[in-house]
Amino acid sequence: MSKQAVLPLLGQDAACCAPMVREPLGEVDAAELSRMFKALSDPIRLRLLSLIASHEGGEACVCDLIGLFDVSQPTISHHLKVLRETGLVGSERRGTWVYYWVLPEALAKLSALLQTPAVPAEASA
């Protein structure tokens, strides 16, 4: 084992770079993240996630989401189920309606993976 100290890059901390840039993804992380990305690759699910996240109060009733798409209610329910099963949204039944909210930790995982390291101005020229 080397006794040399690792010197940090000036102006950057250890959290500056996306995980894929620092080190390869492990098998478990890759499987979990790929399920999330696959769920979001469908335009209806991506739009549903956006609608839920931007809804007043941070949660949306399924009744607020159904009429916004040119698909049936069972199709919307299926898409919401996929978002829930992949860990992107949480849900709770209240009476006859189900309310959905985006899980911040899921967005944080996706965001951290997609962040790119800062490129110095002289390197991009």
C-alpha atoms as a PDB file:
ATOM      1  CA  MET A   1       0.000   0.000   0.000  1.00  0.00           C
ATOM      2  CA  SER A   2       1.360   3.418  -0.944  1.00  0.00           C
ATOM      3  CA  LYS A   3       1.975   5.970   1.776  1.00  0.00           C
ATOM      4  CA  GLN A   4       1.690   8.887  -0.634  1.00  0.00           C
ATOM      5  CA  ALA A   5      -1.070  11.349   0.132  1.00  0.00           C
ATOM      6  CA  VAL A   6      -3.674  11.862  -2.547  1.00  0.00           C
ATOM      7  CA  LEU A   7      -3.823  15.545  -3.391  1.00  0.00           C
ATOM      8  CA  PRO A   8      -7.223  16.954  -4.297  1.00  0.00           C
ATOM      9  CA  LEU A   9      -7.637  18.929  -7.495  1.00  0.00           C
ATOM     10  CA  LEU A  10      -7.826  22.635  -6.783  1.00  0.00           C
ATOM     11  CA  GLY A  11     -11.289  24.102  -7.041  1.00  0.00           C
ATOM     12  CA  GLN A  12     -12.996  20.701  -7.084  1.00  0.00           C
ATOM     13  CA  ASP A  13     -14.266  18.388  -4.414  1.00  0.00           C
ATOM     14  CA  ALA A  14     -14.749  14.641  -4.546  1.00  0.00           C
ATOM     15  CA  ALA A  15     -18.412  15.036  -5.478  1.00  0.00           C
ATOM     16  CA  CYS A  16     -17.648  16.999  -8.657  1.00  0.00           C
ATOM     17  CA  CYS A  17     -17.852  14.108 -11.036  1.00  0.00           C
ATOM     18  CA  ALA A  18     -20.602  11.701 -11.933  1.00  0.00           C
ATOM     19  CA  PRO A  19     -20.171   8.159 -10.581  1.00  0.00           C
ATOM     20  CA  MET A  20     -19.587   6.784 -14.088  1.00  0.00           C
ATOM     21  CA  VAL A  21     -16.689   9.181 -14.516  1.00  0.00           C
ATOM     22  CA  ARG A  22     -15.101   8.299 -11.172  1.00  0.00           C
ATOM     23  CA  GLU A  23     -15.538   4.529 -11.353  1.00  0.00           C
ATOM     24  CA  PRO A  24     -17.502   1.902 -13.275  1.00  0.00           C
ATOM     25  CA  LEU A  25     -21.004   1.088 -12.082  1.00  0.00           C
ATOM     26  CA  GLY A  26     -21.437  -2.126 -10.153  1.00  0.00           C
ATOM     27  CA  GLU A  27     -23.827  -4.789 -11.384  1.00  0.00           C
ATOM     28  CA  VAL A  28     -26.523  -4.059  -8.764  1.00  0.00           C
ATOM     29  CA  ASP A  29     -26.442  -0.279  -9.315  1.00  0.00           C
ATOM     30  CA  ALA A  30     -26.497  -0.700 -13.079  1.00  0.00           C
ATOM     31  CA  ALA A  31     -29.513  -3.014 -12.888  1.00  0.00           C
ATOM     32  CA  GLU A  32     -31.447  -0.636 -10.611  1.00  0.00           C
ATOM     33  CA  LEU A  33     -30.633   2.471 -12.641  1.00  0.00           C
ATOM     34  CA  SER A  34     -31.352   0.775 -15.965  1.00  0.00           C
ATOM     35  CA  ARG A  35     -34.866  -0.128 -14.738  1.00  0.00           C
ATOM     36  CA  MET A  36     -35.450   3.532 -13.853  1.00  0.00           C
ATOM     37  CA  PHE A  37     -34.157   4.772 -17.201  1.00  0.00           C
ATOM     38  CA  LYS A  38     -36.190   2.141 -19.043  1.00  0.00           C
ATOM     39  CA  ALA A  39     -39.320   3.298 -17.221  1.00  0.00           C
ATOM     40  CA  LEU A  40     -38.592   6.894 -18.196  1.00  0.00           C
ATOM     41  CA  SER A  41     -37.931   6.005 -21.836  1.00  0.00           C
ATOM     42  CA  ASP A  42     -41.685   5.912 -22.415  1.00  0.00           C
ATOM     43  CA  PRO A  43     -42.995   9.436 -23.211  1.00  0.00           C
ATOM     44  CA  ILE A  44     -46.186   8.964 -21.198  1.00  0.00           C
ATOM     45  CA  ARG A  45     -44.291   7.849 -18.090  1.00  0.00           C
ATOM     46  CA  LEU A  46     -41.764  10.662 -18.449  1.00  0.00           C
ATOM     47  CA  ARG A  47     -44.599  13.164 -18.753  1.00  0.00           C
ATOM     48  CA  LEU A  48     -46.451  11.605 -15.789  1.00  0.00           C
ATOM     49  CA  LEU A  49     -43.339  11.933 -13.640  1.00  0.00           C
ATOM     50  CA  SER A  50     -43.005  15.573 -14.667  1.00  0.00           C
ATOM     51  CA  LEU A  51     -46.675  16.274 -13.985  1.00  0.00           C
ATOM     52  CA  ILE A  52     -46.486  14.680 -10.549  1.00  0.00           C
ATOM     53  CA  ALA A  53     -43.257  16.461  -9.627  1.00  0.00           C
ATOM     54  CA  SER A  54     -44.553  19.855 -10.714  1.00  0.00           C
ATOM     55  CA  HIS A  55     -48.031  19.459  -9.238  1.00  0.00           C
ATOM     56  CA  GLU A  56     -48.975  21.890  -6.488  1.00  0.00           C
ATOM     57  CA  GLY A  57     -48.021  20.428  -3.127  1.00  0.00           C
ATOM     58  CA  GLY A  58     -45.637  17.914  -4.708  1.00  0.00           C
ATOM     59  CA  GLU A  59     -48.247  15.195  -5.120  1.00  0.00           C
ATOM     60  CA  ALA A  60     -51.004  14.487  -7.598  1.00  0.00           C
ATOM     61  CA  CYS A  61     -54.212  12.509  -7.436  1.00  0.00           C
ATOM     62  CA  VAL A  62     -54.669   9.982 -10.217  1.00  0.00           C
ATOM     63  CA  CYS A  63     -57.901  11.867 -10.959  1.00  0.00           C
ATOM     64  CA  ASP A  64     -55.753  14.889 -11.941  1.00  0.00           C
ATOM     65  CA  LEU A  65     -53.687  12.818 -14.378  1.00  0.00           C
ATOM     66  CA  ILE A  66     -56.172  10.652 -16.264  1.00  0.00           C
ATOM     67  CA  GLY A  67     -57.727  13.283 -18.529  1.00  0.00           C
ATOM     68  CA  LEU A  68     -54.403  14.704 -19.691  1.00  0.00           C
ATOM     69  CA  PHE A  69     -53.574  11.835 -22.061  1.00  0.00           C
ATOM     70  CA  ASP A  70     -55.211  10.279 -25.086  1.00  0.00           C
ATOM     71  CA  VAL A  71     -55.107   6.800 -23.520  1.00  0.00           C
ATOM     72  CA  SER A  72     -57.495   4.881 -21.281  1.00  0.00           C
ATOM     73  CA  GLN A  73     -57.553   4.987 -17.478  1.00  0.00           C
ATOM     74  CA  PRO A  74     -56.199   1.412 -17.220  1.00  0.00           C
ATOM     75  CA  THR A  75     -53.237   2.438 -19.399  1.00  0.00           C
ATOM     76  CA  ILE A  76     -52.467   5.398 -17.118  1.00  0.00           C
ATOM     77  CA  SER A  77     -52.750   3.068 -14.109  1.00  0.00           C
ATOM     78  CA  HIS A  78     -50.279   0.688 -15.754  1.00  0.00           C
ATOM     79  CA  HIS A  79     -47.767   3.489 -16.371  1.00  0.00           C
ATOM     80  CA  LEU A  80     -48.125   4.717 -12.782  1.00  0.00           C
ATOM     81  CA  LYS A  81     -47.578   1.156 -11.557  1.00  0.00           C
ATOM     82  CA  VAL A  82     -44.337   0.935 -13.566  1.00  0.00           C
ATOM     83  CA  LEU A  83     -43.127   4.245 -12.081  1.00  0.00           C
ATOM     84  CA  ARG A  84     -43.993   2.980  -8.593  1.00  0.00           C
ATOM     85  CA  GLU A  85     -42.352  -0.431  -9.056  1.00  0.00           C
ATOM     86  CA  THR A  86     -39.118   1.142 -10.296  1.00  0.00           C
ATOM     87  CA  GLY A  87     -38.947   3.354  -7.209  1.00  0.00           C
ATOM     88  CA  LEU A  88     -39.513   6.653  -8.999  1.00  0.00           C
ATOM     89  CA  VAL A  89     -42.793   7.525  -7.282  1.00  0.00           C
ATOM     90  CA  GLY A  90     -44.532   6.694  -4.042  1.00  0.00           C
ATOM     91  CA  SER A  91     -48.281   6.343  -3.660  1.00  0.00           C
ATOM     92  CA  GLU A  92     -51.034   6.232  -1.079  1.00  0.00           C
ATOM     93  CA  ARG A  93     -54.704   5.357  -1.368  1.00  0.00           C
ATOM     94  CA  ARG A  94     -56.998   7.957   0.179  1.00  0.00           C
ATOM     95  CA  GLY A  95     -60.604   6.892  -0.074  1.00  0.00           C
ATOM     96  CA  THR A  96     -61.292   5.934  -3.669  1.00  0.00           C
ATOM     97  CA  TRP A  97     -58.324   7.843  -5.126  1.00  0.00           C
ATOM     98  CA  VAL A  98     -54.593   7.165  -5.191  1.00  0.00           C
ATOM     99  CA  TYR A  99     -52.126  10.022  -4.734  1.00  0.00           C
ATOM    100  CA  TYR A 100     -48.604   9.962  -6.179  1.00  0.00           C
ATOM    101  CA  TRP A 101     -45.407  11.854  -5.382  1.00  0.00           C
ATOM    102  CA  VAL A 102     -41.883  11.706  -6.770  1.00  0.00           C
ATOM    103  CA  LEU A 103     -39.284  10.046  -4.546  1.00  0.00           C
ATOM    104  CA  PRO A 104     -36.408  12.531  -4.188  1.00  0.00           C
ATOM    105  CA  GLU A 105     -33.812   9.809  -3.571  1.00  0.00           C
ATOM    106  CA  ALA A 106     -34.607   8.247  -6.956  1.00  0.00           C
ATOM    107  CA  LEU A 107     -34.159  11.564  -8.737  1.00  0.00           C
ATOM    108  CA  ALA A 108     -30.926  12.122  -6.826  1.00  0.00           C
ATOM    109  CA  LYS A 109     -29.560   8.756  -8.054  1.00  0.00           C
ATOM    110  CA  LEU A 110     -30.445   9.534 -11.671  1.00  0.00           C
ATOM    111  CA  SER A 111     -29.109  13.064 -11.412  1.00  0.00           C
ATOM    112  CA  ALA A 112     -25.829  12.017  -9.814  1.00  0.00           C
ATOM    113  CA  LEU A 113     -25.237   9.488 -12.571  1.00  0.00           C
ATOM    114  CA  LEU A 114     -25.843  12.037 -15.313  1.00  0.00           C
ATOM    115  CA  GLN A 115     -23.790  14.893 -13.905  1.00  0.00           C
ATOM    116  CA  THR A 116     -20.753  15.599 -15.997  1.00  0.00           C
ATOM    117  CA  PRO A 117     -17.451  16.823 -14.637  1.00  0.00           C
ATOM    118  CA  ALA A 118     -16.684  20.481 -15.053  1.00  0.00           C
ATOM    119  CA  VAL A 119     -14.535  21.114 -18.115  1.00  0.00           C
ATOM    120  CA  PRO A 120     -11.996  23.933 -17.773  1.00  0.00           C
ATOM    121  CA  ALA A 121     -12.611  26.763 -20.241  1.00  0.00           C
ATOM    122  CA  GLU A 122      -9.271  26.266 -21.987  1.00  0.00           C
ATOM    123  CA  ALA A 123     -10.001  22.566 -22.569  1.00  0.00           C
ATOM    124  CA  SER A 124     -13.280  23.238 -24.337  1.00  0.00           C
ATOM    125  CA  ALA A 125     -11.863  25.814 -26.733  1.00  0.00           C
END
